[in-house]
Amino acid sequence: MADNKVQLPGGFGGLTRFSEEYTSKIKLKPLHIIVFIILIIIFRVFLGVYYS
């Protein structure tokens, strides 16, 4: 009988491994995003009232 073994390349088997943990340079809390959106809405309403 023939020996039917599968030969895989060394390392990660052709897969590329990236860093598991990504650290962003800009760190924003969810509260900051909500406040920023509210400020944009208030500014938009102000422009609509002032320039109409």
C-alpha atoms as a PDB file:
ATOM      1  CA  MET A   1       0.000   0.000   0.000  1.00  0.00           C
ATOM      2  CA  ALA A   2       1.084   3.509  -0.721  1.00  0.00           C
ATOM      3  CA  ASP A   3       1.645   5.959   2.101  1.00  0.00           C
ATOM      4  CA  ASN A   4      -0.955   8.746   1.561  1.00  0.00           C
ATOM      5  CA  LYS A   5       0.201  11.538   3.890  1.00  0.00           C
ATOM      6  CA  VAL A   6      -0.718  15.144   3.266  1.00  0.00           C
ATOM      7  CA  GLN A   7       2.255  17.486   3.264  1.00  0.00           C
ATOM      8  CA  LEU A   8       1.567  21.045   4.491  1.00  0.00           C
ATOM      9  CA  PRO A   9       3.995  23.918   4.121  1.00  0.00           C
ATOM     10  CA  GLY A  10       5.807  25.044   7.242  1.00  0.00           C
ATOM     11  CA  GLY A  11       4.669  27.940   9.385  1.00  0.00           C
ATOM     12  CA  PHE A  12       0.987  28.810   9.342  1.00  0.00           C
ATOM     13  CA  GLY A  13       0.035  26.710   6.362  1.00  0.00           C
ATOM     14  CA  GLY A  14      -0.088  29.688   3.995  1.00  0.00           C
ATOM     15  CA  LEU A  15      -2.215  31.822   6.305  1.00  0.00           C
ATOM     16  CA  THR A  16      -1.141  35.314   7.265  1.00  0.00           C
ATOM     17  CA  ARG A  17      -1.363  36.122  10.934  1.00  0.00           C
ATOM     18  CA  PHE A  18      -2.067  39.688  11.995  1.00  0.00           C
ATOM     19  CA  SER A  19      -1.845  41.258  15.408  1.00  0.00           C
ATOM     20  CA  GLU A  20      -4.606  39.948  17.643  1.00  0.00           C
ATOM     21  CA  GLU A  21      -5.146  43.248  19.399  1.00  0.00           C
ATOM     22  CA  TYR A  22      -5.563  46.522  17.515  1.00  0.00           C
ATOM     23  CA  THR A  23      -4.935  49.759  19.387  1.00  0.00           C
ATOM     24  CA  SER A  24      -6.317  52.926  17.864  1.00  0.00           C
ATOM     25  CA  LYS A  25      -4.582  56.274  18.237  1.00  0.00           C
ATOM     26  CA  ILE A  26      -7.948  57.984  18.739  1.00  0.00           C
ATOM     27  CA  LYS A  27      -9.834  56.755  21.795  1.00  0.00           C
ATOM     28  CA  LEU A  28     -13.407  57.973  22.182  1.00  0.00           C
ATOM     29  CA  LYS A  29     -15.933  56.961  24.774  1.00  0.00           C
ATOM     30  CA  PRO A  30     -19.528  56.306  23.675  1.00  0.00           C
ATOM     31  CA  LEU A  31     -20.647  59.335  25.709  1.00  0.00           C
ATOM     32  CA  HIS A  32     -18.385  61.586  23.619  1.00  0.00           C
ATOM     33  CA  ILE A  33     -19.971  60.314  20.407  1.00  0.00           C
ATOM     34  CA  ILE A  34     -23.508  60.919  21.721  1.00  0.00           C
ATOM     35  CA  VAL A  35     -22.642  64.471  22.865  1.00  0.00           C
ATOM     36  CA  PHE A  36     -21.016  65.215  19.499  1.00  0.00           C
ATOM     37  CA  ILE A  37     -24.111  64.034  17.604  1.00  0.00           C
ATOM     38  CA  ILE A  38     -26.390  66.118  19.845  1.00  0.00           C
ATOM     39  CA  LEU A  39     -24.228  69.194  19.231  1.00  0.00           C
ATOM     40  CA  ILE A  40     -24.434  68.663  15.466  1.00  0.00           C
ATOM     41  CA  ILE A  41     -28.246  68.375  15.680  1.00  0.00           C
ATOM     42  CA  ILE A  42     -28.495  71.575  17.763  1.00  0.00           C
ATOM     43  CA  PHE A  43     -26.209  73.406  15.320  1.00  0.00           C
ATOM     44  CA  ARG A  44     -28.312  72.223  12.361  1.00  0.00           C
ATOM     45  CA  VAL A  45     -31.550  73.370  14.013  1.00  0.00           C
ATOM     46  CA  PHE A  46     -29.952  76.734  14.810  1.00  0.00           C
ATOM     47  CA  LEU A  47     -28.927  77.211  11.175  1.00  0.00           C
ATOM     48  CA  GLY A  48     -32.429  76.301   9.996  1.00  0.00           C
ATOM     49  CA  VAL A  49     -34.054  78.828  12.352  1.00  0.00           C
ATOM     50  CA  TYR A  50     -31.510  81.613  11.841  1.00  0.00           C
ATOM     51  CA  TYR A  51     -31.247  81.468   8.038  1.00  0.00           C
ATOM     52  CA  SER A  52     -34.898  80.761   7.120  1.00  0.00           C
END
